[in-house]
Amino acid sequence: MMSIRKRAGLATRPRIRSALCVVTLAMGCRTPVVPGPCPAVKWAATPLQPVIFFDQPGPQGNVTVLLLDGHSGAPVVGGQIALTPPNLAVPTDSNGIGTFTGLPAGRYLLIARGIGFRAWRDSLVLQPGDGRIRIVQLRREGLCLEEIFSAIGKTDEESR
């Protein structure tokens, strides 16, 4: 019995490339693409700024976080501050500040993130009528963006 592939004139198995794996038609994911090591970056040798621990009372029911780059001391613009529960997240503004308002008393997990930075986590307890202001310094983390080649629906031969 002749296979469907031979009847279609496909003597060899064409492969489709994607960002995650090399896919052989009708075979599924075959070979994961493993990126090489990230190149050395100049900030890796930069010492961290002195650690600032700043946790002070703030306006009632508010949690305000200033997100800083732990290497340069610059604000982390476009970072994310998350609070769980109730699973809320706010972006940091052009000054690296994110604020939650109207929070009830309780215990929370505060998570700070930024692209190219290691996530930071800490617990936070709000007493009735309490609010907090925190400064958080994030450590840079190697972020290696690889070139992505995608020929969706094209075989290796067609994409060249």
Protein backbone atom coordinates (compact mmCIF):
# COMPACT_ATOMS: atom_id res chain seq x y z
CA MET A 1 0.00 0.00 0.00
CA MET A 2 1.39 3.37 -1.00
CA SER A 3 1.57 5.97 1.74
CA ILE A 4 -0.26 9.28 1.51
CA ARG A 5 3.09 11.08 1.49
CA LYS A 6 4.38 9.12 -1.54
CA ARG A 7 1.11 9.66 -3.39
CA ALA A 8 1.45 13.38 -2.75
CA GLY A 9 4.96 13.31 -4.22
CA LEU A 10 6.73 13.79 -0.89
CA ALA A 11 9.46 11.17 -0.80
CA THR A 12 11.18 12.75 2.19
CA ARG A 13 9.62 14.24 5.28
CA PRO A 14 9.62 18.04 5.07
CA ARG A 15 10.18 19.86 8.34
CA ILE A 16 8.58 23.03 9.61
CA ARG A 17 10.65 25.29 11.85
CA SER A 18 9.16 27.16 14.76
CA ALA A 19 10.54 29.11 17.70
CA LEU A 20 10.26 26.15 20.05
CA CYS A 21 11.11 23.03 18.13
CA VAL A 22 11.74 21.49 14.76
CA VAL A 23 8.52 19.81 13.77
CA THR A 24 8.27 16.97 11.33
CA LEU A 25 4.88 16.87 9.65
CA ALA A 26 2.61 14.25 11.21
CA MET A 27 5.31 13.45 13.80
CA GLY A 28 4.95 16.20 16.44
CA CYS A 29 7.78 17.93 18.25
CA ARG A 30 11.00 16.09 17.48
CA THR A 31 14.04 18.17 18.39
CA PRO A 32 13.87 20.97 20.95
CA VAL A 33 15.87 24.03 20.00
CA VAL A 34 18.23 24.86 22.85
CA PRO A 35 19.62 28.40 22.78
CA GLY A 36 23.32 28.87 23.39
CA PRO A 37 24.68 30.66 26.42
CA CYS A 38 23.95 34.36 26.68
CA PRO A 39 26.86 36.62 25.83
CA ALA A 40 28.59 38.42 28.68
CA VAL A 41 26.92 41.68 29.63
CA LYS A 42 28.62 44.74 31.05
CA TRP A 43 26.30 45.07 34.06
CA ALA A 44 27.26 41.58 35.29
CA ALA A 45 30.48 43.04 36.71
CA THR A 46 28.74 46.10 38.16
CA PRO A 47 28.38 45.84 41.93
CA LEU A 48 24.92 46.21 43.42
CA GLN A 49 23.95 49.52 44.94
CA PRO A 50 23.85 49.56 48.74
CA VAL A 51 20.68 47.77 49.76
CA ILE A 52 17.97 50.13 50.86
CA PHE A 53 15.32 48.64 53.11
CA PHE A 54 12.52 51.11 53.24
CA ASP A 55 9.18 50.07 54.67
CA GLN A 56 7.26 52.94 56.20
CA PRO A 57 3.64 53.68 57.09
CA GLY A 58 1.64 55.23 54.28
CA PRO A 59 -1.89 56.41 53.53
CA GLN A 60 -4.64 54.18 54.92
CA GLY A 61 -5.45 51.19 52.69
CA ASN A 62 -2.70 52.03 50.18
CA VAL A 63 0.44 50.11 49.28
CA THR A 64 2.94 52.13 47.25
CA VAL A 65 6.10 50.56 45.86
CA LEU A 66 9.10 52.31 44.28
CA LEU A 67 10.87 49.81 42.03
CA LEU A 68 14.59 50.44 41.48
CA ASP A 69 17.33 48.80 39.43
CA GLY A 70 19.62 47.30 42.09
CA HIS A 71 22.71 47.90 39.91
CA SER A 72 22.22 51.46 38.73
CA GLY A 73 19.64 52.80 41.19
CA ALA A 74 17.43 53.98 38.29
CA PRO A 75 13.65 53.50 38.47
CA VAL A 76 12.30 50.38 36.73
CA VAL A 77 9.80 51.79 34.24
CA GLY A 78 7.12 49.38 33.04
CA GLY A 79 7.75 46.88 35.83
CA GLN A 80 4.93 45.07 37.54
CA ILE A 81 3.88 45.03 41.18
CA ALA A 82 1.52 42.20 42.13
CA LEU A 83 -0.39 41.59 45.34
CA THR A 84 -1.96 38.26 46.29
CA PRO A 85 -4.59 37.73 47.45
CA PRO A 86 -6.65 39.26 45.72
CA ASN A 87 -4.44 38.71 42.65
CA LEU A 88 -4.04 42.34 41.63
CA ALA A 89 -1.22 43.80 39.54
CA VAL A 90 -0.25 47.35 38.60
CA PRO A 91 2.47 48.61 36.25
CA THR A 92 5.13 51.01 37.44
CA ASP A 93 5.00 54.53 36.00
CA SER A 94 7.82 56.65 34.54
CA ASN A 95 9.17 57.12 38.08
CA GLY A 96 9.12 53.38 38.89
CA ILE A 97 6.13 53.75 41.24
CA GLY A 98 3.12 51.42 41.47
CA THR A 99 0.22 51.93 43.93
CA PHE A 100 -2.66 49.80 45.19
CA THR A 101 -5.56 51.65 46.83
CA GLY A 102 -8.50 50.63 48.98
CA LEU A 103 -6.93 47.50 50.46
CA PRO A 104 -8.45 45.95 53.58
CA ALA A 105 -6.35 44.84 56.54
CA GLY A 106 -4.75 41.43 56.05
CA ARG A 107 -1.69 39.45 55.05
CA TYR A 108 -0.47 39.75 51.45
CA LEU A 109 2.31 38.47 49.21
CA LEU A 110 4.00 41.35 47.37
CA ILE A 111 5.75 40.44 44.11
CA ALA A 112 7.84 42.85 42.02
CA ARG A 113 8.98 42.04 38.47
CA GLY A 114 10.62 43.73 35.52
CA ILE A 115 11.87 42.51 32.16
CA GLY A 116 15.51 41.55 32.58
CA PHE A 117 15.24 41.44 36.39
CA ARG A 118 14.87 38.62 38.90
CA ALA A 119 11.44 38.62 40.56
CA TRP A 120 11.34 39.78 44.19
CA ARG A 121 8.82 38.49 46.77
CA ASP A 122 8.01 39.45 50.34
CA SER A 123 5.10 39.21 52.74
CA LEU A 124 3.22 42.31 53.77
CA VAL A 125 0.83 42.73 56.70
CA LEU A 126 -1.64 45.59 56.76
CA GLN A 127 -3.22 46.38 60.11
CA PRO A 128 -6.64 48.10 60.26
CA GLY A 129 -6.18 51.73 59.20
CA ASP A 130 -2.65 50.97 57.96
CA GLY A 131 -0.89 51.59 54.64
CA ARG A 132 2.70 50.92 53.49
CA ILE A 133 5.36 52.55 51.34
CA ARG A 134 8.20 50.32 50.16
CA ILE A 135 11.33 50.68 48.08
CA VAL A 136 12.32 47.50 46.26
CA GLN A 137 15.62 46.95 44.45
CA LEU A 138 15.60 44.32 41.71
CA ARG A 139 18.69 42.41 40.63
CA ARG A 140 19.33 42.13 36.93
CA GLU A 141 19.11 38.69 35.44
CA GLY A 142 20.55 37.51 32.15
CA LEU A 143 17.90 37.90 29.50
CA CYS A 144 18.96 36.44 26.22
CA LEU A 145 16.68 37.15 23.29
CA GLU A 146 17.36 34.83 20.41
CA GLU A 147 16.49 35.46 16.78
CA ILE A 148 13.31 33.59 15.93
CA PHE A 149 12.85 32.00 12.54
CA SER A 150 9.36 30.87 11.71
CA ALA A 151 8.11 29.48 8.45
CA ILE A 152 4.63 28.47 9.47
CA GLY A 153 3.19 26.17 6.87
CA LYS A 154 6.38 26.18 4.77
CA THR A 155 8.83 23.36 4.43
CA ASP A 156 12.58 23.84 4.86
CA GLU A 157 12.96 23.93 1.08
CA GLU A 158 10.20 26.55 0.59
CA SER A 159 11.50 28.88 3.29
CA ARG A 160 14.99 29.19 1.80
